[in-house]
Amino acid sequence: MTKSSRFMEYLKIHLISLEQDLEQIDYVNGHHFYRVKQAEIENTRHILSVATDIMNESNERVYG
C-alpha cells in the first residue's frame, strides 16, 4: 500500500469517526458543537475529494 493510499484510508476512517461523533451531539443543547462537527465533516470530505481527484489524475497520466 502506498503512502497516498494509506492517507486516503485514514481520511475515510476519520470521516466515519467524525460522523459518529456528530450523532452523539444533542443539536438543541449543543448547537455550536454540532455546527463545528458539521464543518469538520465537510472539510474532511473536501480534502478527500481533492486527494481522490489528484490521485486519479496521476493514474491517468501513468496508465492513460
Protein backbone atom coordinates (compact mmCIF):
# COMPACT_ATOMS: atom_id res chain seq x y z
CA MET A 1 0.00 0.00 0.00
CA THR A 2 1.42 3.39 -0.98
CA LYS A 3 1.66 6.35 1.37
CA SER A 4 -1.06 8.06 -0.66
CA SER A 5 -3.37 5.08 -0.32
CA ARG A 6 -2.76 4.94 3.42
CA PHE A 7 -3.54 8.64 3.69
CA MET A 8 -6.79 8.15 1.77
CA GLU A 9 -7.79 5.26 4.03
CA TYR A 10 -7.00 7.38 7.08
CA LEU A 11 -9.26 10.16 5.77
CA LYS A 12 -12.11 7.71 5.19
CA ILE A 13 -11.80 6.29 8.70
CA HIS A 14 -11.52 9.78 10.16
CA LEU A 15 -14.69 10.81 8.32
CA ILE A 16 -16.59 7.86 9.78
CA SER A 17 -15.35 8.82 13.25
CA LEU A 18 -16.48 12.43 12.80
CA GLU A 19 -19.91 11.29 11.61
CA GLN A 20 -20.23 9.05 14.67
CA ASP A 21 -19.24 11.96 16.89
CA LEU A 22 -21.92 14.10 15.26
CA GLU A 23 -24.57 11.50 16.07
CA GLN A 24 -23.69 11.83 19.76
CA ILE A 25 -24.19 15.61 19.92
CA ASP A 26 -27.57 16.90 21.07
CA TYR A 27 -28.43 19.55 18.46
CA VAL A 28 -30.67 21.56 20.80
CA ASN A 29 -28.26 21.76 23.74
CA GLY A 30 -25.02 21.62 21.77
CA HIS A 31 -25.87 23.63 18.67
CA HIS A 32 -22.42 25.24 18.48
CA PHE A 33 -20.59 21.91 18.85
CA TYR A 34 -22.95 20.34 16.29
CA ARG A 35 -22.14 23.07 13.74
CA VAL A 36 -18.40 22.76 14.40
CA LYS A 37 -18.55 18.99 13.87
CA GLN A 38 -20.51 19.52 10.64
CA ALA A 39 -17.76 21.87 9.43
CA GLU A 40 -15.10 19.28 10.29
CA ILE A 41 -17.02 16.69 8.28
CA GLU A 42 -17.38 18.98 5.27
CA ASN A 43 -13.68 19.91 5.38
CA THR A 44 -12.65 16.26 5.56
CA ARG A 45 -14.95 15.38 2.65
CA HIS A 46 -13.43 18.21 0.62
CA ILE A 47 -9.85 17.10 1.34
CA LEU A 48 -10.78 13.51 0.48
CA SER A 49 -12.38 14.65 -2.78
CA VAL A 50 -9.38 16.74 -3.81
CA ALA A 51 -6.95 13.96 -2.89
CA THR A 52 -9.02 11.48 -4.91
CA ASP A 53 -9.01 13.80 -7.92
CA ILE A 54 -5.24 14.26 -7.67
CA MET A 55 -4.63 10.51 -7.41
CA ASN A 56 -6.97 9.79 -10.34
CA GLU A 57 -5.24 12.46 -12.42
CA SER A 58 -1.86 10.93 -11.62
CA ASN A 59 -3.13 7.46 -12.57
CA GLU A 60 -4.47 8.79 -15.89
CA ARG A 61 -1.02 10.19 -16.73
CA VAL A 62 0.70 6.91 -15.83
CA TYR A 63 -1.82 4.48 -17.33
CA GLY A 64 -3.60 6.65 -19.87
